[in-house]
Amino acid sequence: DMDDLLPCVCAVPSHYDGPPLDRLRLILQHAGYRVMDFVPESVAAALSLPKEDAGTPPVKHLAVFDMGGIETTCSILHCDADMTSPVILSTSTTTLCSGVAVSANIVEHLAGAFQKKHGIDLRVDSLAMERLTQAADAAKHELSSAAFSQVHLPFITADASGAKHLEHTITSSALHRLMETPLEHAATLCREALRRAKLDAVDAVVVVGGGGKSPLVQASVGHALDNPRLLGIDNAEEAVALGAATRGVALAEFTTLR
């Protein structure tokens, strides 16, 4: 019985449409959920934005840059005055600028520094690479708000002379160099989204997802979009979930009023 199912709002990738949504609806139904609405992630991010002060210029065209672990998306939205029903004009996606891509560059940097110092290639050791990847993720997060990150991995490997330890300091400037190529892909992604939307510029941009906290990412995206107003957001990683919840509350209120 559909009445026994728990109502929900589901945020989905902005390029999802048609059959994938139908399949997802059935999967959720079997899991005990009744989908009230599917909300594109870029729209959900826009819905999560706090209300701006009176007198602030209205946002007609908004860029939503969502940097995830595996893929990154830039969407251009047409917004109504109260930001309740944004419409997607274009969406562009890449895997070349993502959390995984940045971490891979940090891992390569650490492995290269270790090989130069000890003459041992950690890339052929799967356990060592797993520890390097975990350390790279931790350093990346720390460097979003700190000037440097100290990586210390004791007993990372051993040779005939004994155990070897990895100790390396990654500075924010070093991270900037390691992010150059992913950020170039981010800029290309933004320009592609603008081109597909048939626009020369947007009024504002919001940067969300795990990479949204990085000042480097924010600056690069802003520069690629010709420096529109950067909209502040309290928690970039939770923006999509908060926006979906906002849509759910609005739908529940509408249903109650009916």
C-alpha atoms as a PDB file:
ATOM      1  CA  ASP A   1       0.000   0.000   0.000  1.00  0.00           C
ATOM      2  CA  MET A   2       1.484   3.361  -1.060  1.00  0.00           C
ATOM      3  CA  ASP A   3       0.067   5.003   2.086  1.00  0.00           C
ATOM      4  CA  ASP A   4       2.364   2.827   4.208  1.00  0.00           C
ATOM      5  CA  LEU A   5       5.481   4.116   2.460  1.00  0.00           C
ATOM      6  CA  LEU A   6       7.593   6.862   4.014  1.00  0.00           C
ATOM      7  CA  PRO A   7       7.469  10.024   1.853  1.00  0.00           C
ATOM      8  CA  CYS A   8      10.845  11.369   0.771  1.00  0.00           C
ATOM      9  CA  VAL A   9      12.548  13.856  -1.514  1.00  0.00           C
ATOM     10  CA  CYS A  10      15.563  12.472  -3.379  1.00  0.00           C
ATOM     11  CA  ALA A  11      18.425  14.607  -4.699  1.00  0.00           C
ATOM     12  CA  VAL A  12      19.863  13.231  -7.953  1.00  0.00           C
ATOM     13  CA  PRO A  13      22.685  14.231 -10.339  1.00  0.00           C
ATOM     14  CA  SER A  14      21.641  17.215 -12.421  1.00  0.00           C
ATOM     15  CA  HIS A  15      21.903  15.288 -15.702  1.00  0.00           C
ATOM     16  CA  TYR A  16      19.588  12.453 -14.563  1.00  0.00           C
ATOM     17  CA  ASP A  17      16.308  12.173 -16.443  1.00  0.00           C
ATOM     18  CA  GLY A  18      13.773   9.652 -17.712  1.00  0.00           C
ATOM     19  CA  PRO A  19      14.465   5.909 -17.233  1.00  0.00           C
ATOM     20  CA  PRO A  20      17.151   6.291 -14.502  1.00  0.00           C
ATOM     21  CA  LEU A  21      14.649   8.194 -12.356  1.00  0.00           C
ATOM     22  CA  ASP A  22      11.953   5.592 -13.003  1.00  0.00           C
ATOM     23  CA  ARG A  23      14.298   2.821 -11.884  1.00  0.00           C
ATOM     24  CA  LEU A  24      15.373   4.783  -8.818  1.00  0.00           C
ATOM     25  CA  ARG A  25      11.739   5.419  -7.882  1.00  0.00           C
ATOM     26  CA  LEU A  26      11.051   1.651  -7.981  1.00  0.00           C
ATOM     27  CA  ILE A  27      14.166   0.857  -5.943  1.00  0.00           C
ATOM     28  CA  LEU A  28      13.166   3.345  -3.254  1.00  0.00           C
ATOM     29  CA  GLN A  29       9.601   2.041  -3.301  1.00  0.00           C
ATOM     30  CA  HIS A  30      10.867  -1.491  -2.616  1.00  0.00           C
ATOM     31  CA  ALA A  31      12.946  -0.041   0.241  1.00  0.00           C
ATOM     32  CA  GLY A  32       9.834   1.498   1.810  1.00  0.00           C
ATOM     33  CA  TYR A  33       9.935   5.046   0.445  1.00  0.00           C
ATOM     34  CA  ARG A  34       7.467   7.007  -1.657  1.00  0.00           C
ATOM     35  CA  VAL A  35       9.228   9.642  -3.747  1.00  0.00           C
ATOM     36  CA  MET A  36       7.440  12.983  -3.502  1.00  0.00           C
ATOM     37  CA  ASP A  37       9.952  14.636  -5.820  1.00  0.00           C
ATOM     38  CA  PHE A  38      13.343  14.213  -7.456  1.00  0.00           C
ATOM     39  CA  VAL A  39      15.454  17.350  -7.054  1.00  0.00           C
ATOM     40  CA  PRO A  40      18.544  17.897  -9.233  1.00  0.00           C
ATOM     41  CA  GLU A  41      21.561  18.398  -6.990  1.00  0.00           C
ATOM     42  CA  SER A  42      22.314  21.853  -8.412  1.00  0.00           C
ATOM     43  CA  VAL A  43      18.741  22.973  -7.709  1.00  0.00           C
ATOM     44  CA  ALA A  44      18.960  21.521  -4.195  1.00  0.00           C
ATOM     45  CA  ALA A  45      22.175  23.478  -3.600  1.00  0.00           C
ATOM     46  CA  ALA A  46      20.426  26.686  -4.692  1.00  0.00           C
ATOM     47  CA  LEU A  47      17.474  25.940  -2.398  1.00  0.00           C
ATOM     48  CA  SER A  48      19.860  25.639   0.563  1.00  0.00           C
ATOM     49  CA  LEU A  49      21.148  29.200   0.194  1.00  0.00           C
ATOM     50  CA  PRO A  50      20.285  31.547   3.072  1.00  0.00           C
ATOM     51  CA  LYS A  51      18.013  34.485   2.330  1.00  0.00           C
ATOM     52  CA  GLU A  52      19.986  37.541   1.292  1.00  0.00           C
ATOM     53  CA  ASP A  53      19.623  40.942   2.909  1.00  0.00           C
ATOM     54  CA  ALA A  54      17.041  43.360   1.564  1.00  0.00           C
ATOM     55  CA  GLY A  55      18.516  45.600  -1.109  1.00  0.00           C
ATOM     56  CA  THR A  56      20.931  42.953  -2.379  1.00  0.00           C
ATOM     57  CA  PRO A  57      20.801  42.753  -6.192  1.00  0.00           C
ATOM     58  CA  PRO A  58      18.615  39.816  -7.282  1.00  0.00           C
ATOM     59  CA  VAL A  59      20.264  36.744  -8.782  1.00  0.00           C
ATOM     60  CA  LYS A  60      18.799  35.910 -12.186  1.00  0.00           C
ATOM     61  CA  HIS A  61      21.507  33.522 -13.364  1.00  0.00           C
ATOM     62  CA  LEU A  62      23.357  31.377 -10.818  1.00  0.00           C
ATOM     63  CA  ALA A  63      26.292  29.018 -11.338  1.00  0.00           C
ATOM     64  CA  VAL A  64      26.417  26.002  -9.023  1.00  0.00           C
ATOM     65  CA  PHE A  65      29.848  24.360  -8.899  1.00  0.00           C
ATOM     66  CA  ASP A  66      29.642  21.001  -7.118  1.00  0.00           C
ATOM     67  CA  MET A  67      33.036  19.363  -6.528  1.00  0.00           C
ATOM     68  CA  GLY A  68      32.536  15.783  -5.430  1.00  0.00           C
ATOM     69  CA  GLY A  69      34.841  12.903  -4.662  1.00  0.00           C
ATOM     70  CA  ILE A  70      34.465  11.179  -8.028  1.00  0.00           C
ATOM     71  CA  GLU A  71      33.030  13.784 -10.393  1.00  0.00           C
ATOM     72  CA  THR A  72      32.471  17.511 -10.493  1.00  0.00           C
ATOM     73  CA  THR A  73      29.549  19.356 -12.039  1.00  0.00           C
ATOM     74  CA  CYS A  74      28.938  22.958 -13.037  1.00  0.00           C
ATOM     75  CA  SER A  75      25.310  23.919 -13.656  1.00  0.00           C
ATOM     76  CA  ILE A  76      23.858  27.244 -14.752  1.00  0.00           C
ATOM     77  CA  LEU A  77      20.449  28.019 -13.258  1.00  0.00           C
ATOM     78  CA  HIS A  78      17.778  30.585 -14.067  1.00  0.00           C
ATOM     79  CA  CYS A  79      16.349  31.750 -10.745  1.00  0.00           C
ATOM     80  CA  ASP A  80      13.060  33.323  -9.746  1.00  0.00           C
ATOM     81  CA  ALA A  81      12.967  36.252  -7.333  1.00  0.00           C
ATOM     82  CA  ASP A  82      12.537  34.178  -4.158  1.00  0.00           C
ATOM     83  CA  MET A  83      14.828  31.305  -5.284  1.00  0.00           C
ATOM     84  CA  THR A  84      12.100  28.675  -4.839  1.00  0.00           C
ATOM     85  CA  SER A  85      11.940  27.245  -8.372  1.00  0.00           C
ATOM     86  CA  PRO A  86      15.339  27.427 -10.103  1.00  0.00           C
ATOM     87  CA  VAL A  87      15.471  26.030 -13.647  1.00  0.00           C
ATOM     88  CA  ILE A  88      18.583  24.325 -15.041  1.00  0.00           C
ATOM     89  CA  LEU A  89      19.835  25.928 -18.256  1.00  0.00           C
ATOM     90  CA  SER A  90      22.908  23.729 -18.660  1.00  0.00           C
ATOM     91  CA  THR A  91      25.019  21.123 -16.878  1.00  0.00           C
ATOM     92  CA  SER A  92      28.594  20.042 -17.559  1.00  0.00           C
ATOM     93  CA  THR A  93      30.394  17.213 -15.743  1.00  0.00           C
ATOM     94  CA  THR A  94      33.984  15.961 -15.488  1.00  0.00           C
ATOM     95  CA  THR A  95      36.005  13.449 -13.476  1.00  0.00           C
ATOM     96  CA  LEU A  96      39.256  15.323 -14.133  1.00  0.00           C
ATOM     97  CA  CYS A  97      38.613  17.833 -11.343  1.00  0.00           C
ATOM     98  CA  SER A  98      37.485  15.921  -8.260  1.00  0.00           C
ATOM     99  CA  GLY A  99      38.560  14.961  -4.774  1.00  0.00           C
ATOM    100  CA  VAL A 100      39.994  11.715  -6.124  1.00  0.00           C
ATOM    101  CA  ALA A 101      41.988  13.561  -8.807  1.00  0.00           C
ATOM    102  CA  VAL A 102      43.518  15.941  -6.244  1.00  0.00           C
ATOM    103  CA  SER A 103      44.301  13.104  -3.816  1.00  0.00           C
ATOM    104  CA  ALA A 104      45.993  11.146  -6.618  1.00  0.00           C
ATOM    105  CA  ASN A 105      48.311  14.099  -7.276  1.00  0.00           C
ATOM    106  CA  ILE A 106      49.184  14.323  -3.559  1.00  0.00           C
ATOM    107  CA  VAL A 107      49.881  10.571  -3.440  1.00  0.00           C
ATOM    108  CA  GLU A 108      52.185  10.882  -6.450  1.00  0.00           C
ATOM    109  CA  HIS A 109      53.963  13.815  -4.772  1.00  0.00           C
ATOM    110  CA  LEU A 110      54.514  11.840  -1.540  1.00  0.00           C
ATOM    111  CA  ALA A 111      55.625   8.687  -3.360  1.00  0.00           C
ATOM    112  CA  GLY A 112      58.035  10.689  -5.514  1.00  0.00           C
ATOM    113  CA  ALA A 113      59.564  12.451  -2.502  1.00  0.00           C
ATOM    114  CA  PHE A 114      59.989   9.124  -0.668  1.00  0.00           C
ATOM    115  CA  GLN A 115      61.592   7.451  -3.692  1.00  0.00           C
ATOM    116  CA  LYS A 116      64.003  10.351  -4.110  1.00  0.00           C
ATOM    117  CA  LYS A 117      65.047  10.103  -0.452  1.00  0.00           C
ATOM    118  CA  HIS A 118      65.173   6.320   0.022  1.00  0.00           C
ATOM    119  CA  GLY A 119      65.334   4.860  -3.490  1.00  0.00           C
ATOM    120  CA  ILE A 120      62.203   2.794  -2.861  1.00  0.00           C
ATOM    121  CA  ASP A 121      59.118   2.993  -5.094  1.00  0.00           C
ATOM    122  CA  LEU A 122      56.018   2.783  -2.900  1.00  0.00           C
ATOM    123  CA  ARG A 123      53.766   2.678  -5.978  1.00  0.00           C
ATOM    124  CA  VAL A 124      54.320  -1.086  -6.327  1.00  0.00           C
ATOM    125  CA  ASP A 125      53.243  -1.746  -2.709  1.00  0.00           C
ATOM    126  CA  SER A 126      49.432  -1.862  -2.443  1.00  0.00           C
ATOM    127  CA  LEU A 127      49.381  -1.560   1.370  1.00  0.00           C
ATOM    128  CA  ALA A 128      51.724   1.434   1.282  1.00  0.00           C
ATOM    129  CA  MET A 129      49.597   3.063  -1.424  1.00  0.00           C
ATOM    130  CA  GLU A 130      46.483   2.584   0.691  1.00  0.00           C
ATOM    131  CA  ARG A 131      48.151   4.388   3.591  1.00  0.00           C
ATOM    132  CA  LEU A 132      49.388   7.119   1.241  1.00  0.00           C
ATOM    133  CA  THR A 133      45.868   7.645  -0.101  1.00  0.00           C
ATOM    134  CA  GLN A 134      44.444   7.971   3.415  1.00  0.00           C
ATOM    135  CA  ALA A 135      47.211  10.424   4.336  1.00  0.00           C
ATOM    136  CA  ALA A 136      46.611  12.434   1.156  1.00  0.00           C
ATOM    137  CA  ASP A 137      42.893  12.757   1.939  1.00  0.00           C
ATOM    138  CA  ALA A 138      43.654  13.907   5.496  1.00  0.00           C
ATOM    139  CA  ALA A 139      46.262  16.424   4.307  1.00  0.00           C
ATOM    140  CA  LYS A 140      43.909  17.786   1.659  1.00  0.00           C
ATOM    141  CA  HIS A 141      41.199  18.442   4.246  1.00  0.00           C
ATOM    142  CA  GLU A 142      43.659  20.006   6.698  1.00  0.00           C
ATOM    143  CA  LEU A 143      45.071  22.319   4.030  1.00  0.00           C
ATOM    144  CA  SER A 144      41.626  23.734   3.279  1.00  0.00           C
ATOM    145  CA  SER A 145      42.091  25.818   6.459  1.00  0.00           C
ATOM    146  CA  ALA A 146      45.783  25.499   7.429  1.00  0.00           C
ATOM    147  CA  ALA A 147      49.088  26.713   5.987  1.00  0.00           C
ATOM    148  CA  PHE A 148      50.699  23.266   6.057  1.00  0.00           C
ATOM    149  CA  SER A 149      50.054  19.616   6.868  1.00  0.00           C
ATOM    150  CA  GLN A 150      52.549  17.218   8.413  1.00  0.00           C
ATOM    151  CA  VAL A 151      52.369  13.694   6.969  1.00  0.00           C
ATOM    152  CA  HIS A 152      53.887  11.036   9.227  1.00  0.00           C
ATOM    153  CA  LEU A 153      53.593   7.369   8.246  1.00  0.00           C
ATOM    154  CA  PRO A 154      55.827   5.154  10.404  1.00  0.00           C
ATOM    155  CA  PHE A 155      56.955   1.767   9.079  1.00  0.00           C
ATOM    156  CA  ILE A 156      55.627   2.511   5.589  1.00  0.00           C
ATOM    157  CA  THR A 157      58.042  -0.108   4.183  1.00  0.00           C
ATOM    158  CA  ALA A 158      61.406  -1.753   4.844  1.00  0.00           C
ATOM    159  CA  ASP A 159      64.573  -2.825   3.069  1.00  0.00           C
ATOM    160  CA  ALA A 160      67.756  -4.671   4.029  1.00  0.00           C
ATOM    161  CA  SER A 161      68.797  -1.810   6.305  1.00  0.00           C
ATOM    162  CA  GLY A 162      65.542  -1.863   8.286  1.00  0.00           C
ATOM    163  CA  ALA A 163      62.179  -0.120   8.575  1.00  0.00           C
ATOM    164  CA  LYS A 164      61.502   3.111   6.697  1.00  0.00           C
ATOM    165  CA  HIS A 165      59.242   5.936   7.807  1.00  0.00           C
ATOM    166  CA  LEU A 166      57.623   8.605   5.647  1.00  0.00           C
ATOM    167  CA  GLU A 167      57.757  12.125   7.028  1.00  0.00           C
ATOM    168  CA  HIS A 168      56.856  14.996   4.755  1.00  0.00           C
ATOM    169  CA  THR A 169      55.413  18.479   5.124  1.00  0.00           C
ATOM    170  CA  ILE A 170      52.949  19.638   2.474  1.00  0.00           C
ATOM    171  CA  THR A 171      52.478  23.410   2.334  1.00  0.00           C
ATOM    172  CA  SER A 172      49.479  25.230   0.946  1.00  0.00           C
ATOM    173  CA  SER A 173      51.673  26.528  -1.895  1.00  0.00           C
ATOM    174  CA  ALA A 174      52.691  22.941  -2.727  1.00  0.00           C
ATOM    175  CA  LEU A 175      49.029  21.927  -2.743  1.00  0.00           C
ATOM    176  CA  HIS A 176      48.334  24.825  -5.099  1.00  0.00           C
ATOM    177  CA  ARG A 177      50.897  23.451  -7.556  1.00  0.00           C
ATOM    178  CA  LEU A 178      49.438  19.937  -7.239  1.00  0.00           C
ATOM    179  CA  MET A 179      45.969  21.312  -7.950  1.00  0.00           C
ATOM    180  CA  GLU A 180      46.945  23.301 -11.042  1.00  0.00           C
ATOM    181  CA  THR A 181      45.821  20.689 -13.576  1.00  0.00           C
ATOM    182  CA  PRO A 182      42.510  19.823 -11.816  1.00  0.00           C
ATOM    183  CA  LEU A 183      41.782  23.552 -11.466  1.00  0.00           C
ATOM    184  CA  GLU A 184      42.423  24.065 -15.187  1.00  0.00           C
ATOM    185  CA  HIS A 185      39.809  21.386 -15.838  1.00  0.00           C
ATOM    186  CA  ALA A 186      37.481  23.190 -13.402  1.00  0.00           C
ATOM    187  CA  ALA A 187      37.853  26.424 -15.360  1.00  0.00           C
ATOM    188  CA  THR A 188      37.164  24.610 -18.636  1.00  0.00           C
ATOM    189  CA  LEU A 189      34.083  23.021 -17.070  1.00  0.00           C
ATOM    190  CA  CYS A 190      32.708  26.414 -15.990  1.00  0.00           C
ATOM    191  CA  ARG A 191      33.232  27.976 -19.406  1.00  0.00           C
ATOM    192  CA  GLU A 192      31.599  24.961 -21.081  1.00  0.00           C
ATOM    193  CA  ALA A 193      28.534  25.289 -18.825  1.00  0.00           C
ATOM    194  CA  LEU A 194      28.259  28.996 -19.688  1.00  0.00           C
ATOM    195  CA  ARG A 195      28.553  28.245 -23.403  1.00  0.00           C
ATOM    196  CA  ARG A 196      25.848  25.573 -23.230  1.00  0.00           C
ATOM    197  CA  ALA A 197      23.575  27.990 -21.368  1.00  0.00           C
ATOM    198  CA  LYS A 198      24.179  30.558 -24.138  1.00  0.00           C
ATOM    199  CA  LEU A 199      25.288  33.144 -21.581  1.00  0.00           C
ATOM    200  CA  ASP A 200      28.327  35.385 -21.307  1.00  0.00           C
ATOM    201  CA  ALA A 201      28.170  35.733 -17.521  1.00  0.00           C
ATOM    202  CA  VAL A 202      26.243  34.867 -14.361  1.00  0.00           C
ATOM    203  CA  ASP A 203      25.183  37.095 -11.469  1.00  0.00           C
ATOM    204  CA  ALA A 204      26.495  34.827  -8.719  1.00  0.00           C
ATOM    205  CA  VAL A 205      28.145  31.486  -8.012  1.00  0.00           C
ATOM    206  CA  VAL A 206      27.928  29.018  -5.138  1.00  0.00           C
ATOM    207  CA  VAL A 207      30.614  26.364  -4.622  1.00  0.00           C
ATOM    208  CA  VAL A 208      29.458  23.202  -2.845  1.00  0.00           C
ATOM    209  CA  GLY A 209      30.573  19.613  -2.258  1.00  0.00           C
ATOM    210  CA  GLY A 210      33.669  18.401  -0.446  1.00  0.00           C
ATOM    211  CA  GLY A 211      35.938  20.654  -2.509  1.00  0.00           C
ATOM    212  CA  GLY A 212      33.711  23.677  -1.961  1.00  0.00           C
ATOM    213  CA  LYS A 213      35.545  24.607   1.233  1.00  0.00           C
ATOM    214  CA  SER A 214      38.844  25.135  -0.579  1.00  0.00           C
ATOM    215  CA  PRO A 215      39.726  28.818  -1.142  1.00  0.00           C
ATOM    216  CA  LEU A 216      41.764  27.697  -4.184  1.00  0.00           C
ATOM    217  CA  VAL A 217      38.715  26.090  -5.765  1.00  0.00           C
ATOM    218  CA  GLN A 218      36.509  29.088  -4.972  1.00  0.00           C
ATOM    219  CA  ALA A 219      39.034  31.511  -6.470  1.00  0.00           C
ATOM    220  CA  SER A 220      39.584  29.412  -9.602  1.00  0.00           C
ATOM    221  CA  VAL A 221      35.864  28.986 -10.252  1.00  0.00           C
ATOM    222  CA  GLY A 222      35.226  32.682  -9.665  1.00  0.00           C
ATOM    223  CA  HIS A 223      37.999  33.666 -12.075  1.00  0.00           C
ATOM    224  CA  ALA A 224      36.721  31.287 -14.780  1.00  0.00           C
ATOM    225  CA  LEU A 225      33.248  32.844 -14.502  1.00  0.00           C
ATOM    226  CA  ASP A 226      34.613  36.424 -14.646  1.00  0.00           C
ATOM    227  CA  ASN A 227      34.323  36.952 -10.871  1.00  0.00           C
ATOM    228  CA  PRO A 228      30.577  37.036 -10.159  1.00  0.00           C
ATOM    229  CA  ARG A 229      29.326  37.439  -6.584  1.00  0.00           C
ATOM    230  CA  LEU A 230      30.341  34.440  -4.447  1.00  0.00           C
ATOM    231  CA  LEU A 231      27.382  33.387  -2.322  1.00  0.00           C
ATOM    232  CA  GLY A 232      28.324  32.257   1.162  1.00  0.00           C
ATOM    233  CA  ILE A 233      27.102  28.936   2.488  1.00  0.00           C
ATOM    234  CA  ASP A 234      27.502  27.530   6.000  1.00  0.00           C
ATOM    235  CA  ASN A 235      28.297  23.916   5.132  1.00  0.00           C
ATOM    236  CA  ALA A 236      29.264  23.228   1.534  1.00  0.00           C
ATOM    237  CA  GLU A 237      29.255  19.453   2.017  1.00  0.00           C
ATOM    238  CA  GLU A 238      25.658  19.360   3.271  1.00  0.00           C
ATOM    239  CA  ALA A 239      24.167  21.913   0.867  1.00  0.00           C
ATOM    240  CA  VAL A 240      22.470  19.372  -1.411  1.00  0.00           C
ATOM    241  CA  ALA A 241      20.927  17.457   1.505  1.00  0.00           C
ATOM    242  CA  LEU A 242      19.693  20.688   3.107  1.00  0.00           C
ATOM    243  CA  GLY A 243      18.176  21.836  -0.182  1.00  0.00           C
ATOM    244  CA  ALA A 244      16.355  18.528  -0.651  1.00  0.00           C
ATOM    245  CA  ALA A 245      15.018  18.846   2.904  1.00  0.00           C
ATOM    246  CA  THR A 246      13.857  22.388   2.124  1.00  0.00           C
ATOM    247  CA  ARG A 247      11.948  21.102  -0.918  1.00  0.00           C
ATOM    248  CA  GLY A 248      10.448  18.339   1.249  1.00  0.00           C
ATOM    249  CA  VAL A 249       9.185  20.828   3.820  1.00  0.00           C
ATOM    250  CA  ALA A 250       7.626  22.982   1.083  1.00  0.00           C
ATOM    251  CA  LEU A 251       5.875  19.955  -0.451  1.00  0.00           C
ATOM    252  CA  ALA A 252       4.615  18.801   2.945  1.00  0.00           C
ATOM    253  CA  GLU A 253       3.188  22.256   3.672  1.00  0.00           C
ATOM    254  CA  PHE A 254       1.541  22.372   0.233  1.00  0.00           C
ATOM    255  CA  THR A 255       0.004  18.920   0.753  1.00  0.00           C
ATOM    256  CA  THR A 256      -1.303  19.947   4.178  1.00  0.00           C
ATOM    257  CA  LEU A 257      -2.844  23.149   2.799  1.00  0.00           C
ATOM    258  CA  ARG A 258      -4.631  21.192   0.065  1.00  0.00           C
END
